[in-house]
């Protein structure tokens, strides 16, 4: 079964993502901060991670860097706002491979997820 980890500080967005991913056939786990995300990934590697760029304990780019260093083939979709400078820089250097800009279209998100070979 496809497994998704949602790392989102905003409760409303987190609930929406859980619901949408479940409808798409994912087993979904969700956490609210970067430290929890890193701990969950070590216990059970998901098929995909949806990662908020603004977490309460550390930046999304920092979490993404740690995930990419340990699990380079794990697809991580960064959920970011269009004006985030660190996200733009990280995209230019190739750290951010997949990014959805908030507010995002659920259709675009599903299309992106369907493009992964999971």
PDB file of N, CA and C in Angstrom:
ATOM      1  N   UNK A   1       0.840  -1.188   0.000  1.00  0.00           N
ATOM      2  CA  UNK A   1       0.000   0.000   0.000  1.00  0.00           C
ATOM      3  C   UNK A   1       0.881   1.246   0.000  1.00  0.00           C
ATOM      4  N   UNK A   2       0.421   2.271  -0.698  1.00  0.00           N
ATOM      5  CA  UNK A   2       1.132   3.550  -0.712  1.00  0.00           C
ATOM      6  C   UNK A   2       0.992   4.217   0.648  1.00  0.00           C
ATOM      7  N   UNK A   3       2.115   4.749   1.140  1.00  0.00           N
ATOM      8  CA  UNK A   3       2.101   5.416   2.441  1.00  0.00           C
ATOM      9  C   UNK A   3       2.540   6.862   2.271  1.00  0.00           C
ATOM     10  N   UNK A   4       1.812   7.760   2.902  1.00  0.00           N
ATOM     11  CA  UNK A   4       2.154   9.181   2.854  1.00  0.00           C
ATOM     12  C   UNK A   4       2.351   9.706   4.271  1.00  0.00           C
ATOM     13  N   UNK A   5       3.335  10.578   4.392  1.00  0.00           N
ATOM     14  CA  UNK A   5       3.536  11.291   5.644  1.00  0.00           C
ATOM     15  C   UNK A   5       3.241  12.755   5.378  1.00  0.00           C
ATOM     16  N   UNK A   6       2.289  13.305   6.097  1.00  0.00           N
ATOM     17  CA  UNK A   6       1.931  14.721   5.994  1.00  0.00           C
ATOM     18  C   UNK A   6       2.582  15.437   7.170  1.00  0.00           C
ATOM     19  N   UNK A   7       3.390  16.451   6.857  1.00  0.00           N
ATOM     20  CA  UNK A   7       4.054  17.255   7.880  1.00  0.00           C
ATOM     21  C   UNK A   7       3.541  18.678   7.697  1.00  0.00           C
ATOM     22  N   UNK A   8       2.545  19.024   8.479  1.00  0.00           N
ATOM     23  CA  UNK A   8       1.842  20.309   8.284  1.00  0.00           C
ATOM     24  C   UNK A   8       1.436  20.871   9.625  1.00  0.00           C
ATOM     25  N   UNK A   9       1.853  22.105   9.883  1.00  0.00           N
ATOM     26  CA  UNK A   9       1.532  22.765  11.138  1.00  0.00           C
ATOM     27  C   UNK A   9       0.107  23.279  11.232  1.00  0.00           C
ATOM     28  N   UNK A  10      -0.510  23.580  10.097  1.00  0.00           N
ATOM     29  CA  UNK A  10      -1.867  24.116  10.077  1.00  0.00           C
ATOM     30  C   UNK A  10      -2.866  22.960  10.130  1.00  0.00           C
ATOM     31  N   UNK A  11      -3.673  22.942  11.175  1.00  0.00           N
ATOM     32  CA  UNK A  11      -4.597  21.824  11.381  1.00  0.00           C
ATOM     33  C   UNK A  11      -5.580  21.644  10.225  1.00  0.00           C
ATOM     34  N   UNK A  12      -6.128  22.731   9.706  1.00  0.00           N
ATOM     35  CA  UNK A  12      -7.092  22.634   8.611  1.00  0.00           C
ATOM     36  C   UNK A  12      -6.478  22.037   7.353  1.00  0.00           C
ATOM     37  N   UNK A  13      -5.295  22.503   6.995  1.00  0.00           N
ATOM     38  CA  UNK A  13      -4.609  21.970   5.812  1.00  0.00           C
ATOM     39  C   UNK A  13      -4.231  20.514   6.052  1.00  0.00           C
ATOM     40  N   UNK A  14      -3.742  20.216   7.249  1.00  0.00           N
ATOM     41  CA  UNK A  14      -3.355  18.844   7.580  1.00  0.00           C
ATOM     42  C   UNK A  14      -4.541  17.892   7.427  1.00  0.00           C
ATOM     43  N   UNK A  15      -5.691  18.261   7.963  1.00  0.00           N
ATOM     44  CA  UNK A  15      -6.889  17.411   7.854  1.00  0.00           C
ATOM     45  C   UNK A  15      -7.322  17.232   6.405  1.00  0.00           C
ATOM     46  N   UNK A  16      -7.267  18.315   5.638  1.00  0.00           N
ATOM     47  CA  UNK A  16      -7.643  18.243   4.227  1.00  0.00           C
ATOM     48  C   UNK A  16      -6.719  17.285   3.474  1.00  0.00           C
ATOM     49  N   UNK A  17      -5.424  17.402   3.710  1.00  0.00           N
ATOM     50  CA  UNK A  17      -4.466  16.529   3.030  1.00  0.00           C
ATOM     51  C   UNK A  17      -4.669  15.072   3.424  1.00  0.00           C
ATOM     52  N   UNK A  18      -4.932  14.822   4.681  1.00  0.00           N
ATOM     53  CA  UNK A  18      -5.187  13.444   5.134  1.00  0.00           C
ATOM     54  C   UNK A  18      -6.387  12.872   4.388  1.00  0.00           C
ATOM     55  N   UNK A  19      -7.450  13.646   4.310  1.00  0.00           N
ATOM     56  CA  UNK A  19      -8.673  13.187   3.644  1.00  0.00           C
ATOM     57  C   UNK A  19      -8.440  12.921   2.155  1.00  0.00           C
ATOM     58  N   UNK A  20      -7.796  13.852   1.491  1.00  0.00           N
ATOM     59  CA  UNK A  20      -7.555  13.713   0.043  1.00  0.00           C
ATOM     60  C   UNK A  20      -6.645  12.521  -0.248  1.00  0.00           C
ATOM     61  N   UNK A  21      -5.583  12.390   0.532  1.00  0.00           N
ATOM     62  CA  UNK A  21      -4.659  11.278   0.309  1.00  0.00           C
ATOM     63  C   UNK A  21      -5.326   9.930   0.576  1.00  0.00           C
ATOM     64  N   UNK A  22      -6.151   9.860   1.606  1.00  0.00           N
ATOM     65  CA  UNK A  22      -6.872   8.619   1.903  1.00  0.00           C
ATOM     66  C   UNK A  22      -7.797   8.260   0.740  1.00  0.00           C
ATOM     67  N   UNK A  23      -8.460   9.262   0.169  1.00  0.00           N
ATOM     68  CA  UNK A  23      -9.341   9.023  -0.981  1.00  0.00           C
ATOM     69  C   UNK A  23      -8.549   8.531  -2.193  1.00  0.00           C
ATOM     70  N   UNK A  24      -7.271   8.907  -2.264  1.00  0.00           N
ATOM     71  CA  UNK A  24      -6.412   8.484  -3.375  1.00  0.00           C
ATOM     72  C   UNK A  24      -5.731   7.137  -3.106  1.00  0.00           C
ATOM     73  N   UNK A  25      -6.087   6.496  -1.999  1.00  0.00           N
ATOM     74  CA  UNK A  25      -5.588   5.161  -1.715  1.00  0.00           C
ATOM     75  C   UNK A  25      -4.325   5.096  -0.879  1.00  0.00           C
ATOM     76  N   UNK A  26      -3.976   6.198  -0.230  1.00  0.00           N
ATOM     77  CA  UNK A  26      -2.796   6.216   0.628  1.00  0.00           C
ATOM     78  C   UNK A  26      -3.166   5.865   2.063  1.00  0.00           C
ATOM     79  N   UNK A  27      -2.259   5.181   2.711  1.00  0.00           N
ATOM     80  CA  UNK A  27      -2.283   5.054   4.163  1.00  0.00           C
ATOM     81  C   UNK A  27      -1.561   6.311   4.643  1.00  0.00           C
ATOM     82  N   UNK A  28      -2.206   7.107   5.491  1.00  0.00           N
ATOM     83  CA  UNK A  28      -1.672   8.429   5.821  1.00  0.00           C
ATOM     84  C   UNK A  28      -1.300   8.520   7.302  1.00  0.00           C
ATOM     85  N   UNK A  29      -0.107   9.047   7.536  1.00  0.00           N
ATOM     86  CA  UNK A  29       0.339   9.384   8.875  1.00  0.00           C
ATOM     87  C   UNK A  29       0.567  10.891   8.846  1.00  0.00           C
ATOM     88  N   UNK A  30       0.325  11.572   9.937  1.00  0.00           N
ATOM     89  CA  UNK A  30       0.476  13.026   9.958  1.00  0.00           C
ATOM     90  C   UNK A  30       1.126  13.477  11.245  1.00  0.00           C
ATOM     91  N   UNK A  31       1.999  14.480  11.113  1.00  0.00           N
ATOM     92  CA  UNK A  31       2.660  15.091  12.263  1.00  0.00           C
ATOM     93  C   UNK A  31       2.641  16.602  12.081  1.00  0.00           C
ATOM     94  N   UNK A  32       2.968  17.312  13.158  1.00  0.00           N
ATOM     95  CA  UNK A  32       2.850  18.770  13.118  1.00  0.00           C
ATOM     96  C   UNK A  32       4.180  19.506  13.101  1.00  0.00           C
ATOM     97  N   UNK A  33       5.295  18.773  13.212  1.00  0.00           N
ATOM     98  CA  UNK A  33       6.582  19.476  13.221  1.00  0.00           C
ATOM     99  C   UNK A  33       7.697  18.619  12.624  1.00  0.00           C
ATOM    100  N   UNK A  34       8.843  19.249  12.412  1.00  0.00           N
ATOM    101  CA  UNK A  34       9.956  18.603  11.736  1.00  0.00           C
ATOM    102  C   UNK A  34      10.576  17.466  12.522  1.00  0.00           C
ATOM    103  N   UNK A  35      10.733  17.634  13.811  1.00  0.00           N
ATOM    104  CA  UNK A  35      11.340  16.596  14.632  1.00  0.00           C
ATOM    105  C   UNK A  35      10.509  15.315  14.595  1.00  0.00           C
ATOM    106  N   UNK A  36       9.189  15.475  14.742  1.00  0.00           N
ATOM    107  CA  UNK A  36       8.302  14.306  14.657  1.00  0.00           C
ATOM    108  C   UNK A  36       8.412  13.646  13.287  1.00  0.00           C
ATOM    109  N   UNK A  37       8.516  14.448  12.244  1.00  0.00           N
ATOM    110  CA  UNK A  37       8.621  13.909  10.889  1.00  0.00           C
ATOM    111  C   UNK A  37       9.862  13.047  10.743  1.00  0.00           C
ATOM    112  N   UNK A  38      10.991  13.554  11.203  1.00  0.00           N
ATOM    113  CA  UNK A  38      12.244  12.809  11.090  1.00  0.00           C
ATOM    114  C   UNK A  38      12.186  11.510  11.894  1.00  0.00           C
ATOM    115  N   UNK A  39      11.554  11.545  13.049  1.00  0.00           N
ATOM    116  CA  UNK A  39      11.401  10.334  13.861  1.00  0.00           C
ATOM    117  C   UNK A  39      10.501   9.313  13.172  1.00  0.00           C
ATOM    118  N   UNK A  40       9.395   9.762  12.587  1.00  0.00           N
ATOM    119  CA  UNK A  40       8.464   8.839  11.911  1.00  0.00           C
ATOM    120  C   UNK A  40       9.105   8.187  10.702  1.00  0.00           C
ATOM    121  N   UNK A  41       9.852   8.977   9.948  1.00  0.00           N
ATOM    122  CA  UNK A  41      10.486   8.440   8.748  1.00  0.00           C
ATOM    123  C   UNK A  41      11.477   7.338   9.114  1.00  0.00           C
ATOM    124  N   UNK A  42      12.181   7.493  10.214  1.00  0.00           N
ATOM    125  CA  UNK A  42      13.123   6.457  10.650  1.00  0.00           C
ATOM    126  C   UNK A  42      12.408   5.161  11.023  1.00  0.00           C
ATOM    127  N   UNK A  43      11.205   5.271  11.564  1.00  0.00           N
ATOM    128  CA  UNK A  43      10.453   4.090  11.986  1.00  0.00           C
ATOM    129  C   UNK A  43       9.802   3.370  10.807  1.00  0.00           C
ATOM    130  N   UNK A  44       9.295   4.148   9.866  1.00  0.00           N
ATOM    131  CA  UNK A  44       8.596   3.562   8.712  1.00  0.00           C
ATOM    132  C   UNK A  44       8.720   4.524   7.534  1.00  0.00           C
ATOM    133  N   UNK A  45       9.503   4.150   6.557  1.00  0.00           N
ATOM    134  CA  UNK A  45       9.740   5.037   5.420  1.00  0.00           C
ATOM    135  C   UNK A  45       8.480   5.093   4.551  1.00  0.00           C
ATOM    136  N   UNK A  46       7.913   6.292   4.371  1.00  0.00           N
ATOM    137  CA  UNK A  46       6.708   6.430   3.548  1.00  0.00           C
ATOM    138  C   UNK A  46       7.051   6.391   2.051  1.00  0.00           C
ATOM    139  N   UNK A  47       6.024   6.350   1.232  1.00  0.00           N
ATOM    140  CA  UNK A  47       6.197   6.408  -0.220  1.00  0.00           C
ATOM    141  C   UNK A  47       6.426   7.839  -0.674  1.00  0.00           C
ATOM    142  N   UNK A  48       5.849   8.789   0.065  1.00  0.00           N
ATOM    143  CA  UNK A  48       5.945  10.214  -0.257  1.00  0.00           C
ATOM    144  C   UNK A  48       5.757  11.028   1.023  1.00  0.00           C
ATOM    145  N   UNK A  49       6.385  12.211   1.052  1.00  0.00           N
ATOM    146  CA  UNK A  49       6.232  13.133   2.174  1.00  0.00           C
ATOM    147  C   UNK A  49       5.686  14.447   1.632  1.00  0.00           C
ATOM    148  N   UNK A  50       4.648  14.964   2.269  1.00  0.00           N
ATOM    149  CA  UNK A  50       4.159  16.311   1.981  1.00  0.00           C
ATOM    150  C   UNK A  50       4.606  17.172   3.148  1.00  0.00           C
ATOM    151  N   UNK A  51       5.459  18.155   2.862  1.00  0.00           N
ATOM    152  CA  UNK A  51       6.176  18.882   3.897  1.00  0.00           C
ATOM    153  C   UNK A  51       5.884  20.378   3.838  1.00  0.00           C
ATOM    154  N   UNK A  52       5.319  20.892   4.898  1.00  0.00           N
ATOM    155  CA  UNK A  52       5.079  22.324   5.049  1.00  0.00           C
ATOM    156  C   UNK A  52       6.427  23.039   5.127  1.00  0.00           C
ATOM    157  N   UNK A  53       6.559  24.155   4.463  1.00  0.00           N
ATOM    158  CA  UNK A  53       7.825  24.895   4.485  1.00  0.00           C
ATOM    159  C   UNK A  53       8.006  25.697   5.767  1.00  0.00           C
ATOM    160  N   UNK A  54       6.919  25.939   6.496  1.00  0.00           N
ATOM    161  CA  UNK A  54       6.984  26.731   7.724  1.00  0.00           C
ATOM    162  C   UNK A  54       6.464  25.908   8.894  1.00  0.00           C
ATOM    163  N   UNK A  55       7.383  25.282   9.604  1.00  0.00           N
ATOM    164  CA  UNK A  55       7.019  24.447  10.746  1.00  0.00           C
ATOM    165  C   UNK A  55       7.370  25.164  12.037  1.00  0.00           C
ATOM    166  N   UNK A  56       6.719  24.793  13.145  1.00  0.00           N
ATOM    167  CA  UNK A  56       6.956  25.512  14.397  1.00  0.00           C
ATOM    168  C   UNK A  56       8.344  25.301  14.998  1.00  0.00           C
ATOM    169  N   UNK A  57       8.985  24.176  14.716  1.00  0.00           N
ATOM    170  CA  UNK A  57      10.255  23.890  15.381  1.00  0.00           C
ATOM    171  C   UNK A  57      11.491  24.068  14.504  1.00  0.00           C
ATOM    172  N   UNK A  58      11.349  23.917  13.201  1.00  0.00           N
ATOM    173  CA  UNK A  58      12.466  24.113  12.286  1.00  0.00           C
ATOM    174  C   UNK A  58      11.916  24.385  10.903  1.00  0.00           C
ATOM    175  N   UNK A  59      12.732  24.962  10.049  1.00  0.00           N
ATOM    176  CA  UNK A  59      12.270  25.279   8.708  1.00  0.00           C
ATOM    177  C   UNK A  59      12.081  24.035   7.861  1.00  0.00           C
ATOM    178  N   UNK A  60      11.157  24.117   6.940  1.00  0.00           N
ATOM    179  CA  UNK A  60      10.906  23.003   6.034  1.00  0.00           C
ATOM    180  C   UNK A  60      12.133  22.633   5.211  1.00  0.00           C
ATOM    181  N   UNK A  61      12.927  23.639   4.832  1.00  0.00           N
ATOM    182  CA  UNK A  61      14.136  23.372   4.050  1.00  0.00           C
ATOM    183  C   UNK A  61      15.130  22.561   4.885  1.00  0.00           C
ATOM    184  N   UNK A  62      15.236  22.870   6.172  1.00  0.00           N
ATOM    185  CA  UNK A  62      16.121  22.100   7.050  1.00  0.00           C
ATOM    186  C   UNK A  62      15.657  20.642   7.140  1.00  0.00           C
ATOM    187  N   UNK A  63      14.359  20.432   7.293  1.00  0.00           N
ATOM    188  CA  UNK A  63      13.810  19.080   7.354  1.00  0.00           C
ATOM    189  C   UNK A  63      14.044  18.373   6.025  1.00  0.00           C
ATOM    190  N   UNK A  64      13.782  19.072   4.927  1.00  0.00           N
ATOM    191  CA  UNK A  64      13.981  18.501   3.595  1.00  0.00           C
ATOM    192  C   UNK A  64      15.433  18.080   3.393  1.00  0.00           C
ATOM    193  N   UNK A  65      16.370  18.909   3.832  1.00  0.00           N
ATOM    194  CA  UNK A  65      17.790  18.586   3.702  1.00  0.00           C
ATOM    195  C   UNK A  65      18.120  17.302   4.456  1.00  0.00           C
ATOM    196  N   UNK A  66      17.618  17.171   5.668  1.00  0.00           N
ATOM    197  CA  UNK A  66      17.884  15.976   6.469  1.00  0.00           C
ATOM    198  C   UNK A  66      17.259  14.732   5.835  1.00  0.00           C
ATOM    199  N   UNK A  67      16.040  14.868   5.321  1.00  0.00           N
ATOM    200  CA  UNK A  67      15.391  13.734   4.657  1.00  0.00           C
ATOM    201  C   UNK A  67      16.186  13.350   3.412  1.00  0.00           C
ATOM    202  N   UNK A  68      16.549  14.341   2.602  1.00  0.00           N
ATOM    203  CA  UNK A  68      17.263  14.076   1.344  1.00  0.00           C
ATOM    204  C   UNK A  68      18.621  13.436   1.579  1.00  0.00           C
ATOM    205  N   UNK A  69      19.293  13.836   2.654  1.00  0.00           N
ATOM    206  CA  UNK A  69      20.599  13.243   2.964  1.00  0.00           C
ATOM    207  C   UNK A  69      20.473  11.772   3.339  1.00  0.00           C
ATOM    208  N   UNK A  70      19.429  11.425   4.077  1.00  0.00           N
ATOM    209  CA  UNK A  70      19.250  10.046   4.533  1.00  0.00           C
ATOM    210  C   UNK A  70      18.482   9.177   3.546  1.00  0.00           C
ATOM    211  N   UNK A  71      17.560   9.774   2.816  1.00  0.00           N
ATOM    212  CA  UNK A  71      16.687   9.029   1.900  1.00  0.00           C
ATOM    213  C   UNK A  71      16.603   9.775   0.560  1.00  0.00           C
ATOM    214  N   UNK A  72      17.666   9.743  -0.229  1.00  0.00           N
ATOM    215  CA  UNK A  72      17.717  10.560  -1.449  1.00  0.00           C
ATOM    216  C   UNK A  72      16.653  10.229  -2.501  1.00  0.00           C
ATOM    217  N   UNK A  73      16.085   9.038  -2.465  1.00  0.00           N
ATOM    218  CA  UNK A  73      15.079   8.662  -3.465  1.00  0.00           C
ATOM    219  C   UNK A  73      13.641   8.852  -2.987  1.00  0.00           C
ATOM    220  N   UNK A  74      13.479   9.333  -1.762  1.00  0.00           N
ATOM    221  CA  UNK A  74      12.141   9.542  -1.212  1.00  0.00           C
ATOM    222  C   UNK A  74      11.570  10.860  -1.757  1.00  0.00           C
ATOM    223  N   UNK A  75      10.454  10.797  -2.486  1.00  0.00           N
ATOM    224  CA  UNK A  75       9.859  12.042  -2.997  1.00  0.00           C
ATOM    225  C   UNK A  75       9.293  12.890  -1.849  1.00  0.00           C
ATOM    226  N   UNK A  76       9.706  14.145  -1.819  1.00  0.00           N
ATOM    227  CA  UNK A  76       9.222  15.097  -0.820  1.00  0.00           C
ATOM    228  C   UNK A  76       8.613  16.277  -1.570  1.00  0.00           C
ATOM    229  N   UNK A  77       7.344  16.530  -1.321  1.00  0.00           N
ATOM    230  CA  UNK A  77       6.647  17.662  -1.933  1.00  0.00           C
ATOM    231  C   UNK A  77       6.609  18.779  -0.906  1.00  0.00           C
ATOM    232  N   UNK A  78       7.282  19.867  -1.215  1.00  0.00           N
ATOM    233  CA  UNK A  78       7.299  21.016  -0.316  1.00  0.00           C
ATOM    234  C   UNK A  78       6.057  21.859  -0.570  1.00  0.00           C
ATOM    235  N   UNK A  79       5.349  22.187   0.495  1.00  0.00           N
ATOM    236  CA  UNK A  79       4.163  23.041   0.420  1.00  0.00           C
ATOM    237  C   UNK A  79       4.598  24.415   0.897  1.00  0.00           C
ATOM    238  N   UNK A  80       4.689  25.371  -0.032  1.00  0.00           N
ATOM    239  CA  UNK A  80       5.297  26.665   0.294  1.00  0.00           C
ATOM    240  C   UNK A  80       4.469  27.820  -0.241  1.00  0.00           C
ATOM    241  N   UNK A  81       4.771  28.990   0.293  1.00  0.00           N
ATOM    242  CA  UNK A  81       4.177  30.215  -0.221  1.00  0.00           C
ATOM    243  C   UNK A  81       5.100  30.785  -1.290  1.00  0.00           C
ATOM    244  N   UNK A  82       4.550  31.460  -2.259  1.00  0.00           N
ATOM    245  CA  UNK A  82       5.290  31.898  -3.433  1.00  0.00           C
ATOM    246  C   UNK A  82       6.441  32.851  -3.121  1.00  0.00           C
ATOM    247  N   UNK A  83       6.359  33.602  -2.053  1.00  0.00           N
ATOM    248  CA  UNK A  83       7.370  34.616  -1.786  1.00  0.00           C
ATOM    249  C   UNK A  83       8.458  34.178  -0.804  1.00  0.00           C
ATOM    250  N   UNK A  84       8.595  32.891  -0.564  1.00  0.00           N
ATOM    251  CA  UNK A  84       9.599  32.408   0.374  1.00  0.00           C
ATOM    252  C   UNK A  84      10.972  32.342  -0.306  1.00  0.00           C
ATOM    253  N   UNK A  85      11.874  33.196   0.113  1.00  0.00           N
ATOM    254  CA  UNK A  85      13.193  33.305  -0.504  1.00  0.00           C
ATOM    255  C   UNK A  85      13.990  32.016  -0.391  1.00  0.00           C
ATOM    256  N   UNK A  86      13.989  31.382   0.787  1.00  0.00           N
ATOM    257  CA  UNK A  86      14.787  30.163   0.952  1.00  0.00           C
ATOM    258  C   UNK A  86      14.287  29.032   0.060  1.00  0.00           C
ATOM    259  N   UNK A  87      12.987  29.002  -0.214  1.00  0.00           N
ATOM    260  CA  UNK A  87      12.431  27.995  -1.115  1.00  0.00           C
ATOM    261  C   UNK A  87      12.921  28.255  -2.535  1.00  0.00           C
ATOM    262  N   UNK A  88      12.892  29.504  -2.967  1.00  0.00           N
ATOM    263  CA  UNK A  88      13.364  29.840  -4.314  1.00  0.00           C
ATOM    264  C   UNK A  88      14.833  29.478  -4.486  1.00  0.00           C
ATOM    265  N   UNK A  89      15.644  29.796  -3.495  1.00  0.00           N
ATOM    266  CA  UNK A  89      17.072  29.468  -3.562  1.00  0.00           C
ATOM    267  C   UNK A  89      17.260  27.948  -3.597  1.00  0.00           C
ATOM    268  N   UNK A  90      16.520  27.241  -2.772  1.00  0.00           N
ATOM    269  CA  UNK A  90      16.628  25.777  -2.713  1.00  0.00           C
ATOM    270  C   UNK A  90      16.179  25.127  -4.014  1.00  0.00           C
ATOM    271  N   UNK A  91      15.223  25.724  -4.702  1.00  0.00           N
ATOM    272  CA  UNK A  91      14.808  25.210  -6.003  1.00  0.00           C
ATOM    273  C   UNK A  91      15.930  25.402  -7.021  1.00  0.00           C
ATOM    274  N   UNK A  92      16.568  26.564  -6.992  1.00  0.00           N
ATOM    275  CA  UNK A  92      17.634  26.857  -7.948  1.00  0.00           C
ATOM    276  C   UNK A  92      18.817  25.905  -7.802  1.00  0.00           C
ATOM    277  N   UNK A  93      19.142  25.522  -6.573  1.00  0.00           N
ATOM    278  CA  UNK A  93      20.286  24.625  -6.373  1.00  0.00           C
ATOM    279  C   UNK A  93      19.891  23.145  -6.465  1.00  0.00           C
ATOM    280  N   UNK A  94      18.614  22.875  -6.693  1.00  0.00           N
ATOM    281  CA  UNK A  94      18.160  21.508  -6.911  1.00  0.00           C
ATOM    282  C   UNK A  94      17.756  20.735  -5.670  1.00  0.00           C
ATOM    283  N   UNK A  95      17.756  21.371  -4.500  1.00  0.00           N
ATOM    284  CA  UNK A  95      17.336  20.674  -3.284  1.00  0.00           C
ATOM    285  C   UNK A  95      15.835  20.389  -3.323  1.00  0.00           C
ATOM    286  N   UNK A  96      15.062  21.398  -3.722  1.00  0.00           N
ATOM    287  CA  UNK A  96      13.610  21.228  -3.820  1.00  0.00           C
ATOM    288  C   UNK A  96      13.288  20.723  -5.223  1.00  0.00           C
ATOM    289  N   UNK A  97      12.868  19.460  -5.297  1.00  0.00           N
ATOM    290  CA  UNK A  97      12.518  18.868  -6.590  1.00  0.00           C
ATOM    291  C   UNK A  97      11.035  19.029  -6.900  1.00  0.00           C
ATOM    292  N   UNK A  98      10.209  18.965  -5.850  1.00  0.00           N
ATOM    293  CA  UNK A  98       8.754  19.056  -6.016  1.00  0.00           C
ATOM    294  C   UNK A  98       8.223  20.111  -5.056  1.00  0.00           C
ATOM    295  N   UNK A  99       7.479  21.066  -5.609  1.00  0.00           N
ATOM    296  CA  UNK A  99       6.952  22.145  -4.785  1.00  0.00           C
ATOM    297  C   UNK A  99       5.550  22.496  -5.259  1.00  0.00           C
ATOM    298  N   UNK A 100       4.659  22.625  -4.326  1.00  0.00           N
ATOM    299  CA  UNK A 100       3.295  23.091  -4.592  1.00  0.00           C
ATOM    300  C   UNK A 100       3.150  24.406  -3.836  1.00  0.00           C
ATOM    301  N   UNK A 101       2.679  25.415  -4.545  1.00  0.00           N
ATOM    302  CA  UNK A 101       2.541  26.747  -3.955  1.00  0.00           C
ATOM    303  C   UNK A 101       1.165  26.894  -3.306  1.00  0.00           C
ATOM    304  N   UNK A 102       1.176  27.358  -2.052  1.00  0.00           N
ATOM    305  CA  UNK A 102      -0.063  27.633  -1.319  1.00  0.00           C
ATOM    306  C   UNK A 102      -0.612  28.981  -1.758  1.00  0.00           C
ATOM    307  N   UNK A 103      -1.904  29.140  -1.872  1.00  0.00           N
ATOM    308  CA  UNK A 103      -2.917  28.091  -1.817  1.00  0.00           C
ATOM    309  C   UNK A 103      -2.826  27.222  -3.067  1.00  0.00           C
ATOM    310  N   UNK A 104      -2.956  25.930  -2.903  1.00  0.00           N
ATOM    311  CA  UNK A 104      -2.751  25.010  -4.022  1.00  0.00           C
ATOM    312  C   UNK A 104      -4.049  24.360  -4.455  1.00  0.00           C
ATOM    313  N   UNK A 105      -4.018  23.877  -5.680  1.00  0.00           N
ATOM    314  CA  UNK A 105      -5.140  23.146  -6.245  1.00  0.00           C
ATOM    315  C   UNK A 105      -4.986  21.673  -5.870  1.00  0.00           C
ATOM    316  N   UNK A 106      -6.023  21.079  -5.345  1.00  0.00           N
ATOM    317  CA  UNK A 106      -5.968  19.658  -5.013  1.00  0.00           C
ATOM    318  C   UNK A 106      -5.757  18.816  -6.267  1.00  0.00           C
ATOM    319  N   UNK A 107      -6.320  19.257  -7.377  1.00  0.00           N
ATOM    320  CA  UNK A 107      -6.133  18.554  -8.644  1.00  0.00           C
ATOM    321  C   UNK A 107      -4.661  18.538  -9.030  1.00  0.00           C
ATOM    322  N   UNK A 108      -3.970  19.682  -8.898  1.00  0.00           N
ATOM    323  CA  UNK A 108      -2.542  19.738  -9.213  1.00  0.00           C
ATOM    324  C   UNK A 108      -1.740  18.831  -8.286  1.00  0.00           C
ATOM    325  N   UNK A 109      -2.096  18.824  -7.012  1.00  0.00           N
ATOM    326  CA  UNK A 109      -1.400  17.980  -6.050  1.00  0.00           C
ATOM    327  C   UNK A 109      -1.572  16.507  -6.408  1.00  0.00           C
ATOM    328  N   UNK A 110      -2.790  16.099  -6.711  1.00  0.00           N
ATOM    329  CA  UNK A 110      -3.064  14.701  -7.062  1.00  0.00           C
ATOM    330  C   UNK A 110      -2.325  14.314  -8.340  1.00  0.00           C
ATOM    331  N   UNK A 111      -2.307  15.214  -9.317  1.00  0.00           N
ATOM    332  CA  UNK A 111      -1.568  14.933 -10.553  1.00  0.00           C
ATOM    333  C   UNK A 111      -0.081  14.730 -10.277  1.00  0.00           C
ATOM    334  N   UNK A 112       0.475  15.565  -9.418  1.00  0.00           N
ATOM    335  CA  UNK A 112       1.882  15.415  -9.059  1.00  0.00           C
ATOM    336  C   UNK A 112       2.111  14.075  -8.361  1.00  0.00           C
ATOM    337  N   UNK A 113       1.283  13.737  -7.395  1.00  0.00           N
ATOM    338  CA  UNK A 113       1.436  12.468  -6.684  1.00  0.00           C
ATOM    339  C   UNK A 113       1.310  11.283  -7.626  1.00  0.00           C
ATOM    340  N   UNK A 114       0.401  11.371  -8.589  1.00  0.00           N
ATOM    341  CA  UNK A 114       0.215  10.286  -9.547  1.00  0.00           C
ATOM    342  C   UNK A 114       1.406  10.143 -10.496  1.00  0.00           C
ATOM    343  N   UNK A 115       2.224  11.176 -10.602  1.00  0.00           N
ATOM    344  CA  UNK A 115       3.385  11.115 -11.489  1.00  0.00           C
ATOM    345  C   UNK A 115       4.544  10.333 -10.871  1.00  0.00           C
ATOM    346  N   UNK A 116       4.497  10.097  -9.553  1.00  0.00           N
ATOM    347  CA  UNK A 116       5.555   9.346  -8.886  1.00  0.00           C
ATOM    348  C   UNK A 116       5.364   7.855  -9.139  1.00  0.00           C
ATOM    349  N   UNK A 117       6.455   7.145  -9.244  1.00  0.00           N
ATOM    350  CA  UNK A 117       6.390   5.690  -9.407  1.00  0.00           C
ATOM    351  C   UNK A 117       6.375   5.041  -8.035  1.00  0.00           C
ATOM    352  N   UNK A 118       5.176   4.975  -7.477  1.00  0.00           N
ATOM    353  CA  UNK A 118       5.014   4.434  -6.116  1.00  0.00           C
ATOM    354  C   UNK A 118       4.307   3.097  -6.206  1.00  0.00           C
TER     355      UNK A 118
END
